[in-house]
C-alpha atoms as a PDB file:
ATOM      1  CA  UNK A   1       0.000   0.000   0.000  1.00  0.00           C
ATOM      2  CA  UNK A   2       1.312   3.483  -0.871  1.00  0.00           C
ATOM      3  CA  UNK A   3       1.154   5.784   2.169  1.00  0.00           C
ATOM      4  CA  UNK A   4       0.890   9.580   1.958  1.00  0.00           C
ATOM      5  CA  UNK A   5       4.175  11.415   2.350  1.00  0.00           C
ATOM      6  CA  UNK A   6       4.694  14.292   4.765  1.00  0.00           C
ATOM      7  CA  UNK A   7       6.184  17.455   3.298  1.00  0.00           C
ATOM      8  CA  UNK A   8       8.570  18.847   5.898  1.00  0.00           C
ATOM      9  CA  UNK A   9       9.668  18.913   9.535  1.00  0.00           C
ATOM     10  CA  UNK A  10       9.934  22.123  11.513  1.00  0.00           C
ATOM     11  CA  UNK A  11      10.671  23.453  14.989  1.00  0.00           C
ATOM     12  CA  UNK A  12       8.196  25.560  16.948  1.00  0.00           C
ATOM     13  CA  UNK A  13       9.735  27.571  19.774  1.00  0.00           C
ATOM     14  CA  UNK A  14       6.627  27.173  21.939  1.00  0.00           C
ATOM     15  CA  UNK A  15       7.247  24.400  24.492  1.00  0.00           C
ATOM     16  CA  UNK A  16       9.953  22.970  22.216  1.00  0.00           C
ATOM     17  CA  UNK A  17       7.298  21.583  19.889  1.00  0.00           C
ATOM     18  CA  UNK A  18       8.349  20.126  16.585  1.00  0.00           C
ATOM     19  CA  UNK A  19       5.908  19.530  13.807  1.00  0.00           C
ATOM     20  CA  UNK A  20       5.618  18.080  10.346  1.00  0.00           C
ATOM     21  CA  UNK A  21       3.427  19.249   7.510  1.00  0.00           C
ATOM     22  CA  UNK A  22       1.346  16.287   6.413  1.00  0.00           C
ATOM     23  CA  UNK A  23       0.553  15.461   2.804  1.00  0.00           C
ATOM     24  CA  UNK A  24      -2.867  17.124   3.105  1.00  0.00           C
ATOM     25  CA  UNK A  25      -1.319  20.337   4.477  1.00  0.00           C
ATOM     26  CA  UNK A  26      -2.178  19.815   8.149  1.00  0.00           C
ATOM     27  CA  UNK A  27       0.360  20.387  10.909  1.00  0.00           C
ATOM     28  CA  UNK A  28       1.111  17.442  13.207  1.00  0.00           C
ATOM     29  CA  UNK A  29       3.032  18.388  16.355  1.00  0.00           C
ATOM     30  CA  UNK A  30       5.122  16.234  18.655  1.00  0.00           C
ATOM     31  CA  UNK A  31       7.798  16.357  21.352  1.00  0.00           C
ATOM     32  CA  UNK A  32      10.852  14.147  21.724  1.00  0.00           C
ATOM     33  CA  UNK A  33      12.391  13.005  24.994  1.00  0.00           C
ATOM     34  CA  UNK A  34      15.335  10.746  25.760  1.00  0.00           C
ATOM     35  CA  UNK A  35      18.355   9.693  23.673  1.00  0.00           C
ATOM     36  CA  UNK A  36      18.026  10.645  20.008  1.00  0.00           C
ATOM     37  CA  UNK A  37      19.436   7.259  18.967  1.00  0.00           C
ATOM     38  CA  UNK A  38      17.378   5.271  21.478  1.00  0.00           C
ATOM     39  CA  UNK A  39      14.699   2.702  20.734  1.00  0.00           C
ATOM     40  CA  UNK A  40      11.762   4.733  19.371  1.00  0.00           C
ATOM     41  CA  UNK A  41       8.403   4.679  21.147  1.00  0.00           C
ATOM     42  CA  UNK A  42       5.586   6.820  19.708  1.00  0.00           C
ATOM     43  CA  UNK A  43       3.142   7.610  22.509  1.00  0.00           C
ATOM     44  CA  UNK A  44      -0.494   8.689  22.298  1.00  0.00           C
ATOM     45  CA  UNK A  45      -1.837  10.856  25.115  1.00  0.00           C
ATOM     46  CA  UNK A  46      -5.144  10.553  26.943  1.00  0.00           C
ATOM     47  CA  UNK A  47      -8.406  12.438  26.366  1.00  0.00           C
ATOM     48  CA  UNK A  48      -7.852  15.337  26.727  1.00  0.00           C
ATOM     49  CA  UNK A  49      -4.079  15.611  26.476  1.00  0.00           C
ATOM     50  CA  UNK A  50      -1.088  16.782  24.516  1.00  0.00           C
ATOM     51  CA  UNK A  51       2.539  16.011  23.744  1.00  0.00           C
ATOM     52  CA  UNK A  52       3.409  17.360  27.223  1.00  0.00           C
ATOM     53  CA  UNK A  53       1.732  14.363  28.866  1.00  0.00           C
ATOM     54  CA  UNK A  54       4.618  12.108  29.751  1.00  0.00           C
ATOM     55  CA  UNK A  55       5.784  10.671  33.032  1.00  0.00           C
ATOM     56  CA  UNK A  56       9.189   9.187  32.340  1.00  0.00           C
ATOM     57  CA  UNK A  57      12.110  11.077  33.818  1.00  0.00           C
ATOM     58  CA  UNK A  58      15.141  11.732  31.605  1.00  0.00           C
ATOM     59  CA  UNK A  59      17.137   9.286  33.752  1.00  0.00           C
ATOM     60  CA  UNK A  60      14.659   6.448  33.066  1.00  0.00           C
ATOM     61  CA  UNK A  61      14.718   7.143  29.345  1.00  0.00           C
ATOM     62  CA  UNK A  62      18.514   7.140  29.362  1.00  0.00           C
ATOM     63  CA  UNK A  63      18.649   3.965  31.446  1.00  0.00           C
ATOM     64  CA  UNK A  64      16.261   2.172  29.090  1.00  0.00           C
ATOM     65  CA  UNK A  65      17.766   3.791  25.960  1.00  0.00           C
ATOM     66  CA  UNK A  66      14.340   4.984  24.860  1.00  0.00           C
ATOM     67  CA  UNK A  67      13.488   7.783  22.461  1.00  0.00           C
ATOM     68  CA  UNK A  68       9.985   8.834  23.480  1.00  0.00           C
ATOM     69  CA  UNK A  69       7.967  10.697  20.849  1.00  0.00           C
ATOM     70  CA  UNK A  70       4.641  12.061  22.130  1.00  0.00           C
ATOM     71  CA  UNK A  71       2.224  13.323  19.467  1.00  0.00           C
ATOM     72  CA  UNK A  72      -0.549  15.923  19.651  1.00  0.00           C
ATOM     73  CA  UNK A  73      -3.656  14.416  18.066  1.00  0.00           C
ATOM     74  CA  UNK A  74      -5.660  16.657  15.684  1.00  0.00           C
ATOM     75  CA  UNK A  75      -7.195  19.628  17.474  1.00  0.00           C
ATOM     76  CA  UNK A  76      -4.886  19.340  20.481  1.00  0.00           C
ATOM     77  CA  UNK A  77      -1.815  21.469  21.132  1.00  0.00           C
ATOM     78  CA  UNK A  78      -0.227  22.553  17.871  1.00  0.00           C
ATOM     79  CA  UNK A  79      -1.778  19.833  15.661  1.00  0.00           C
ATOM     80  CA  UNK A  80      -4.387  21.178  13.280  1.00  0.00           C
ATOM     81  CA  UNK A  81      -7.995  20.142  13.751  1.00  0.00           C
ATOM     82  CA  UNK A  82      -9.159  17.540  11.218  1.00  0.00           C
ATOM     83  CA  UNK A  83     -12.856  17.796  10.466  1.00  0.00           C
ATOM     84  CA  UNK A  84     -14.489  14.475   9.668  1.00  0.00           C
ATOM     85  CA  UNK A  85     -11.548  12.331  10.727  1.00  0.00           C
ATOM     86  CA  UNK A  86     -11.984   8.671  11.657  1.00  0.00           C
ATOM     87  CA  UNK A  87     -10.112   6.460  14.091  1.00  0.00           C
ATOM     88  CA  UNK A  88      -8.476   4.551  11.243  1.00  0.00           C
ATOM     89  CA  UNK A  89      -7.138   7.787   9.739  1.00  0.00           C
ATOM     90  CA  UNK A  90      -4.693   8.096  12.624  1.00  0.00           C
ATOM     91  CA  UNK A  91      -2.220   5.395  11.483  1.00  0.00           C
ATOM     92  CA  UNK A  92      -1.764   7.340   8.219  1.00  0.00           C
ATOM     93  CA  UNK A  93      -0.573  10.370  10.240  1.00  0.00           C
ATOM     94  CA  UNK A  94       1.694   8.170  12.351  1.00  0.00           C
ATOM     95  CA  UNK A  95       3.310   6.618   9.271  1.00  0.00           C
ATOM     96  CA  UNK A  96       4.040  10.051   7.834  1.00  0.00           C
ATOM     97  CA  UNK A  97       5.660  11.104  11.130  1.00  0.00           C
ATOM     98  CA  UNK A  98       7.692   7.887  11.333  1.00  0.00           C
ATOM     99  CA  UNK A  99       8.892   8.278   7.768  1.00  0.00           C
ATOM    100  CA  UNK A 100       9.950  11.877   8.379  1.00  0.00           C
ATOM    101  CA  UNK A 101      11.892  10.711  11.439  1.00  0.00           C
ATOM    102  CA  UNK A 102      13.431   7.836   9.447  1.00  0.00           C
ATOM    103  CA  UNK A 103      11.886   5.201  11.699  1.00  0.00           C
ATOM    104  CA  UNK A 104      11.512   1.880   9.927  1.00  0.00           C
ATOM    105  CA  UNK A 105      10.001  -0.094  12.793  1.00  0.00           C
ATOM    106  CA  UNK A 106       8.954   1.249  16.168  1.00  0.00           C
ATOM    107  CA  UNK A 107       6.704   0.706  19.179  1.00  0.00           C
ATOM    108  CA  UNK A 108       3.526   2.575  20.056  1.00  0.00           C
ATOM    109  CA  UNK A 109       1.866   3.171  23.409  1.00  0.00           C
ATOM    110  CA  UNK A 110      -1.600   4.541  24.101  1.00  0.00           C
ATOM    111  CA  UNK A 111      -2.810   5.770  27.471  1.00  0.00           C
ATOM    112  CA  UNK A 112      -6.536   5.955  28.287  1.00  0.00           C
ATOM    113  CA  UNK A 113      -8.277   7.419  25.210  1.00  0.00           C
ATOM    114  CA  UNK A 114      -4.981   7.092  23.356  1.00  0.00           C
ATOM    115  CA  UNK A 115      -5.264   3.311  23.638  1.00  0.00           C
ATOM    116  CA  UNK A 116      -7.889   3.148  20.888  1.00  0.00           C
ATOM    117  CA  UNK A 117      -5.456   4.929  18.559  1.00  0.00           C
ATOM    118  CA  UNK A 118      -2.674   2.505  19.469  1.00  0.00           C
ATOM    119  CA  UNK A 119      -5.039  -0.391  18.710  1.00  0.00           C
ATOM    120  CA  UNK A 120      -5.872   1.217  15.350  1.00  0.00           C
ATOM    121  CA  UNK A 121      -2.163   1.275  14.520  1.00  0.00           C
ATOM    122  CA  UNK A 122      -1.812  -2.358  15.600  1.00  0.00           C
ATOM    123  CA  UNK A 123      -4.599  -3.267  13.199  1.00  0.00           C
ATOM    124  CA  UNK A 124      -3.639  -1.107  10.215  1.00  0.00           C
ATOM    125  CA  UNK A 125       0.176  -0.935  10.192  1.00  0.00           C
ATOM    126  CA  UNK A 126       1.399  -4.158  11.881  1.00  0.00           C
ATOM    127  CA  UNK A 127       4.367  -4.417   9.510  1.00  0.00           C
ATOM    128  CA  UNK A 128       5.847  -1.230  11.021  1.00  0.00           C
ATOM    129  CA  UNK A 129       5.314  -2.110  14.687  1.00  0.00           C
ATOM    130  CA  UNK A 130       7.491  -4.139  17.031  1.00  0.00           C
ATOM    131  CA  UNK A 131       5.117  -4.101  19.990  1.00  0.00           C
ATOM    132  CA  UNK A 132       2.141  -2.136  21.336  1.00  0.00           C
ATOM    133  CA  UNK A 133       1.287  -1.055  24.888  1.00  0.00           C
ATOM    134  CA  UNK A 134      -2.298  -0.323  25.957  1.00  0.00           C
ATOM    135  CA  UNK A 135      -2.388   1.429  29.343  1.00  0.00           C
ATOM    136  CA  UNK A 136      -5.743   2.048  31.070  1.00  0.00           C
ATOM    137  CA  UNK A 137      -7.128   1.822  27.555  1.00  0.00           C
ATOM    138  CA  UNK A 138     -10.659   2.315  26.358  1.00  0.00           C
ATOM    139  CA  UNK A 139     -12.239  -0.536  24.385  1.00  0.00           C
ATOM    140  CA  UNK A 140     -14.944  -0.469  21.691  1.00  0.00           C
ATOM    141  CA  UNK A 141     -18.003   1.141  23.232  1.00  0.00           C
ATOM    142  CA  UNK A 142     -20.315  -1.029  21.153  1.00  0.00           C
ATOM    143  CA  UNK A 143     -19.000  -4.268  22.673  1.00  0.00           C
ATOM    144  CA  UNK A 144     -21.847  -5.686  24.813  1.00  0.00           C
ATOM    145  CA  UNK A 145     -22.009  -4.411  28.385  1.00  0.00           C
ATOM    146  CA  UNK A 146     -18.809  -2.365  28.433  1.00  0.00           C
ATOM    147  CA  UNK A 147     -20.229   1.143  28.746  1.00  0.00           C
ATOM    148  CA  UNK A 148     -22.694   0.005  31.417  1.00  0.00           C
ATOM    149  CA  UNK A 149     -19.790  -0.023  33.866  1.00  0.00           C
ATOM    150  CA  UNK A 150     -18.810   3.597  33.191  1.00  0.00           C
ATOM    151  CA  UNK A 151     -19.649   6.415  35.564  1.00  0.00           C
ATOM    152  CA  UNK A 152     -23.101   7.679  34.513  1.00  0.00           C
ATOM    153  CA  UNK A 153     -21.922  11.251  33.891  1.00  0.00           C
ATOM    154  CA  UNK A 154     -19.037  10.061  31.700  1.00  0.00           C
ATOM    155  CA  UNK A 155     -21.280   7.683  29.786  1.00  0.00           C
ATOM    156  CA  UNK A 156     -23.826  10.425  29.107  1.00  0.00           C
ATOM    157  CA  UNK A 157     -21.163  12.789  27.763  1.00  0.00           C
ATOM    158  CA  UNK A 158     -19.645  10.122  25.510  1.00  0.00           C
ATOM    159  CA  UNK A 159     -23.077   9.215  24.171  1.00  0.00           C
ATOM    160  CA  UNK A 160     -23.745  12.878  23.454  1.00  0.00           C
ATOM    161  CA  UNK A 161     -20.410  13.149  21.637  1.00  0.00           C
ATOM    162  CA  UNK A 162     -21.133  10.034  19.591  1.00  0.00           C
ATOM    163  CA  UNK A 163     -24.206  11.713  18.109  1.00  0.00           C
ATOM    164  CA  UNK A 164     -22.514  15.045  17.375  1.00  0.00           C
ATOM    165  CA  UNK A 165     -19.202  16.246  18.800  1.00  0.00           C
ATOM    166  CA  UNK A 166     -20.458  19.847  18.649  1.00  0.00           C
ATOM    167  CA  UNK A 167     -23.075  19.049  21.298  1.00  0.00           C
ATOM    168  CA  UNK A 168     -20.360  17.650  23.539  1.00  0.00           C
ATOM    169  CA  UNK A 169     -18.217  20.726  22.856  1.00  0.00           C
ATOM    170  CA  UNK A 170     -21.029  22.939  24.125  1.00  0.00           C
ATOM    171  CA  UNK A 171     -21.435  20.806  27.243  1.00  0.00           C
ATOM    172  CA  UNK A 172     -17.682  20.782  27.905  1.00  0.00           C
ATOM    173  CA  UNK A 173     -17.616  24.566  27.616  1.00  0.00           C
ATOM    174  CA  UNK A 174     -19.811  24.732  30.711  1.00  0.00           C
ATOM    175  CA  UNK A 175     -17.535  22.638  32.940  1.00  0.00           C
ATOM    176  CA  UNK A 176     -14.061  22.721  31.349  1.00  0.00           C
ATOM    177  CA  UNK A 177     -13.344  26.424  31.074  1.00  0.00           C
ATOM    178  CA  UNK A 178      -9.792  26.167  32.459  1.00  0.00           C
ATOM    179  CA  UNK A 179      -7.108  23.472  32.922  1.00  0.00           C
ATOM    180  CA  UNK A 180      -7.708  23.597  36.663  1.00  0.00           C
ATOM    181  CA  UNK A 181     -11.419  22.928  36.089  1.00  0.00           C
ATOM    182  CA  UNK A 182     -10.579  19.895  33.933  1.00  0.00           C
ATOM    183  CA  UNK A 183      -8.165  18.627  36.571  1.00  0.00           C
ATOM    184  CA  UNK A 184     -10.851  18.995  39.224  1.00  0.00           C
ATOM    185  CA  UNK A 185     -13.239  16.953  37.068  1.00  0.00           C
ATOM    186  CA  UNK A 186     -10.605  14.250  36.619  1.00  0.00           C
ATOM    187  CA  UNK A 187     -10.110  14.027  40.382  1.00  0.00           C
ATOM    188  CA  UNK A 188     -13.766  13.476  41.239  1.00  0.00           C
ATOM    189  CA  UNK A 189     -14.512  10.489  43.519  1.00  0.00           C
ATOM    190  CA  UNK A 190     -11.282   8.693  42.619  1.00  0.00           C
ATOM    191  CA  UNK A 191      -9.917   5.666  44.512  1.00  0.00           C
ATOM    192  CA  UNK A 192      -6.963   6.015  46.873  1.00  0.00           C
ATOM    193  CA  UNK A 193      -4.227   5.044  44.345  1.00  0.00           C
ATOM    194  CA  UNK A 194      -5.396   7.733  41.926  1.00  0.00           C
ATOM    195  CA  UNK A 195      -5.864  10.303  44.681  1.00  0.00           C
ATOM    196  CA  UNK A 196      -2.219   9.852  45.701  1.00  0.00           C
ATOM    197  CA  UNK A 197      -1.031  10.471  42.138  1.00  0.00           C
ATOM    198  CA  UNK A 198      -3.379  13.395  41.461  1.00  0.00           C
ATOM    199  CA  UNK A 199      -2.408  15.138  44.690  1.00  0.00           C
ATOM    200  CA  UNK A 200       1.327  14.985  43.945  1.00  0.00           C
ATOM    201  CA  UNK A 201       2.489  18.526  43.179  1.00  0.00           C
ATOM    202  CA  UNK A 202       4.974  17.453  40.499  1.00  0.00           C
ATOM    203  CA  UNK A 203       2.198  15.586  38.704  1.00  0.00           C
ATOM    204  CA  UNK A 204      -0.194  18.510  39.062  1.00  0.00           C
ATOM    205  CA  UNK A 205       2.373  20.943  37.648  1.00  0.00           C
ATOM    206  CA  UNK A 206       2.995  18.714  34.638  1.00  0.00           C
ATOM    207  CA  UNK A 207      -0.689  18.057  34.106  1.00  0.00           C
ATOM    208  CA  UNK A 208      -1.714  21.708  34.327  1.00  0.00           C
ATOM    209  CA  UNK A 209       0.751  22.460  31.538  1.00  0.00           C
ATOM    210  CA  UNK A 210      -0.487  19.438  29.594  1.00  0.00           C
ATOM    211  CA  UNK A 211      -4.140  20.403  29.925  1.00  0.00           C
ATOM    212  CA  UNK A 212      -3.461  24.031  29.076  1.00  0.00           C
ATOM    213  CA  UNK A 213      -1.692  22.898  25.929  1.00  0.00           C
ATOM    214  CA  UNK A 214      -4.454  20.439  25.069  1.00  0.00           C
ATOM    215  CA  UNK A 215      -7.008  23.291  25.121  1.00  0.00           C
ATOM    216  CA  UNK A 216      -4.824  25.720  23.123  1.00  0.00           C
ATOM    217  CA  UNK A 217      -7.274  25.639  20.190  1.00  0.00           C
ATOM    218  CA  UNK A 218     -10.412  25.368  22.307  1.00  0.00           C
ATOM    219  CA  UNK A 219     -12.561  22.334  23.039  1.00  0.00           C
ATOM    220  CA  UNK A 220     -13.302  21.016  19.537  1.00  0.00           C
ATOM    221  CA  UNK A 221     -10.357  18.589  19.586  1.00  0.00           C
ATOM    222  CA  UNK A 222     -11.423  17.244  22.977  1.00  0.00           C
ATOM    223  CA  UNK A 223     -15.045  16.806  21.907  1.00  0.00           C
ATOM    224  CA  UNK A 224     -14.138  15.218  18.566  1.00  0.00           C
ATOM    225  CA  UNK A 225     -11.798  12.824  20.365  1.00  0.00           C
ATOM    226  CA  UNK A 226     -14.636  11.747  22.657  1.00  0.00           C
ATOM    227  CA  UNK A 227     -16.895  11.277  19.642  1.00  0.00           C
ATOM    228  CA  UNK A 228     -14.428   8.945  17.916  1.00  0.00           C
ATOM    229  CA  UNK A 229     -13.886   6.894  21.082  1.00  0.00           C
ATOM    230  CA  UNK A 230     -17.644   6.468  21.518  1.00  0.00           C
ATOM    231  CA  UNK A 231     -18.218   5.324  17.936  1.00  0.00           C
ATOM    232  CA  UNK A 232     -17.534   1.782  16.652  1.00  0.00           C
ATOM    233  CA  UNK A 233     -13.872   1.114  15.944  1.00  0.00           C
ATOM    234  CA  UNK A 234     -14.630  -0.246  12.447  1.00  0.00           C
ATOM    235  CA  UNK A 235     -12.129  -3.035  12.965  1.00  0.00           C
ATOM    236  CA  UNK A 236     -12.097  -6.183  15.055  1.00  0.00           C
ATOM    237  CA  UNK A 237      -9.436  -6.314  17.818  1.00  0.00           C
ATOM    238  CA  UNK A 238      -9.476 -10.096  17.393  1.00  0.00           C
ATOM    239  CA  UNK A 239      -7.561  -9.760  14.118  1.00  0.00           C
ATOM    240  CA  UNK A 240      -4.697  -7.688  15.556  1.00  0.00           C
ATOM    241  CA  UNK A 241      -1.467  -9.494  14.710  1.00  0.00           C
ATOM    242  CA  UNK A 242       1.032  -7.459  16.728  1.00  0.00           C
ATOM    243  CA  UNK A 243       2.189  -8.404  20.220  1.00  0.00           C
ATOM    244  CA  UNK A 244       0.331  -6.268  22.759  1.00  0.00           C
ATOM    245  CA  UNK A 245       1.150  -5.647  26.413  1.00  0.00           C
ATOM    246  CA  UNK A 246      -1.836  -4.365  28.375  1.00  0.00           C
ATOM    247  CA  UNK A 247      -1.842  -2.685  31.784  1.00  0.00           C
ATOM    248  CA  UNK A 248      -5.043  -1.904  33.665  1.00  0.00           C
ATOM    249  CA  UNK A 249      -5.781  -0.960  37.266  1.00  0.00           C
ATOM    250  CA  UNK A 250      -8.499  -3.004  38.933  1.00  0.00           C
ATOM    251  CA  UNK A 251      -9.674   0.145  40.755  1.00  0.00           C
ATOM    252  CA  UNK A 252     -10.023   2.203  37.577  1.00  0.00           C
ATOM    253  CA  UNK A 253     -13.317   4.134  37.583  1.00  0.00           C
ATOM    254  CA  UNK A 254     -12.535   6.262  34.513  1.00  0.00           C
ATOM    255  CA  UNK A 255     -12.064   3.348  32.119  1.00  0.00           C
ATOM    256  CA  UNK A 256     -13.776   0.393  33.830  1.00  0.00           C
ATOM    257  CA  UNK A 257     -11.900  -2.858  34.352  1.00  0.00           C
ATOM    258  CA  UNK A 258     -14.250  -4.733  32.003  1.00  0.00           C
ATOM    259  CA  UNK A 259     -12.794  -2.767  29.094  1.00  0.00           C
ATOM    260  CA  UNK A 260      -9.297  -3.994  29.885  1.00  0.00           C
ATOM    261  CA  UNK A 261     -10.582  -7.518  30.357  1.00  0.00           C
ATOM    262  CA  UNK A 262     -12.371  -7.382  27.011  1.00  0.00           C
ATOM    263  CA  UNK A 263      -9.202  -6.298  25.204  1.00  0.00           C
ATOM    264  CA  UNK A 264      -7.102  -8.907  27.013  1.00  0.00           C
ATOM    265  CA  UNK A 265      -9.386 -11.756  26.004  1.00  0.00           C
ATOM    266  CA  UNK A 266     -10.037 -10.490  22.460  1.00  0.00           C
ATOM    267  CA  UNK A 267      -6.570  -9.536  21.187  1.00  0.00           C
ATOM    268  CA  UNK A 268      -4.724 -12.771  20.295  1.00  0.00           C
ATOM    269  CA  UNK A 269      -1.165 -11.907  21.390  1.00  0.00           C
ATOM    270  CA  UNK A 270      -1.968  -9.946  24.527  1.00  0.00           C
ATOM    271  CA  UNK A 271       0.172 -10.043  27.647  1.00  0.00           C
ATOM    272  CA  UNK A 272      -2.142  -8.597  30.302  1.00  0.00           C
ATOM    273  CA  UNK A 273      -1.158  -7.024  33.619  1.00  0.00           C
ATOM    274  CA  UNK A 274      -4.092  -6.312  35.942  1.00  0.00           C
ATOM    275  CA  UNK A 275      -2.969  -4.421  39.038  1.00  0.00           C
ATOM    276  CA  UNK A 276      -5.243  -4.789  42.099  1.00  0.00           C
ATOM    277  CA  UNK A 277      -3.774  -1.743  43.879  1.00  0.00           C
ATOM    278  CA  UNK A 278      -3.904   0.651  40.940  1.00  0.00           C
ATOM    279  CA  UNK A 279      -6.471   2.961  39.377  1.00  0.00           C
ATOM    280  CA  UNK A 280      -6.708   4.824  36.099  1.00  0.00           C
ATOM    281  CA  UNK A 281      -3.495   6.822  36.461  1.00  0.00           C
ATOM    282  CA  UNK A 282      -1.212   3.823  36.967  1.00  0.00           C
ATOM    283  CA  UNK A 283       1.050   4.996  34.121  1.00  0.00           C
ATOM    284  CA  UNK A 284       2.459   7.649  36.414  1.00  0.00           C
ATOM    285  CA  UNK A 285       3.433   5.087  39.073  1.00  0.00           C
ATOM    286  CA  UNK A 286       4.525   2.252  36.781  1.00  0.00           C
ATOM    287  CA  UNK A 287       6.150   4.011  33.865  1.00  0.00           C
ATOM    288  CA  UNK A 288       9.481   2.182  34.144  1.00  0.00           C
ATOM    289  CA  UNK A 289       7.893  -1.287  34.267  1.00  0.00           C
ATOM    290  CA  UNK A 290       5.640  -0.492  31.316  1.00  0.00           C
ATOM    291  CA  UNK A 291       8.491   0.899  29.265  1.00  0.00           C
ATOM    292  CA  UNK A 292      10.720  -2.065  30.102  1.00  0.00           C
ATOM    293  CA  UNK A 293       8.039  -4.482  28.917  1.00  0.00           C
ATOM    294  CA  UNK A 294       7.386  -2.457  25.788  1.00  0.00           C
ATOM    295  CA  UNK A 295      11.032  -2.125  24.774  1.00  0.00           C
ATOM    296  CA  UNK A 296      12.353  -5.553  25.809  1.00  0.00           C
ATOM    297  CA  UNK A 297      14.016  -7.618  23.096  1.00  0.00           C
ATOM    298  CA  UNK A 298      12.260 -10.864  24.031  1.00  0.00           C
END
């Protein structure tokens, strides 16, 4: 299959963002962390999120020889909004980025809402991937019984977004006016493991910057992201051919445990890690273990 070719790569002085110009003229922004010659991992942030959402310290990335590339999805950060996009359009953008960075084969990781995008890459571009990590990942909302376990308020907003992301954008405008307001929503009635992470000042500083960047263009990217996650994936996870390592907290109330269990039992080559003492934000406590599993040579 002939993939589209990106046009150029550029540096943006704001938050050290780099970006490429995609074949259709859109800007796709990303940030790089860790050794430039390290094993490449392309990471997909949560919903909402941006390229500033990353938990690995420079020392961990050096120790594990990992080049971490975190990408702004369309409508977030410096990546241009993409009206009418579909979940399976995302691998095309990723291939153009990888080609511009001269990455032949690489790993991808998706956290929370980013997990669906990692799964889309696993389905559509398996020949380019070494391994995939799904962390606290959403699953197809149309799989029987999965959304029933979601918090009612979250389920209602996703269902609204599925019908028309503009309706969800209007609703989000009422409650998500600032990064601090979004962070307060995320905290909610969280379990103890998540509360410990969300109350850490270093995490809060990073996440305020991340959320502020995610809302740079307004709420359309956030709402559209929710809409895509709530719609059918248009591919069957059972036909994914890439090795997948899955991590899910058993106390997760944002993405219910049944979603992780569904993915673990549906994806053929899935190495699942269910953590009884973890919630949704386990990435920020278990980054090193996840990265070690993702980048191991075995």
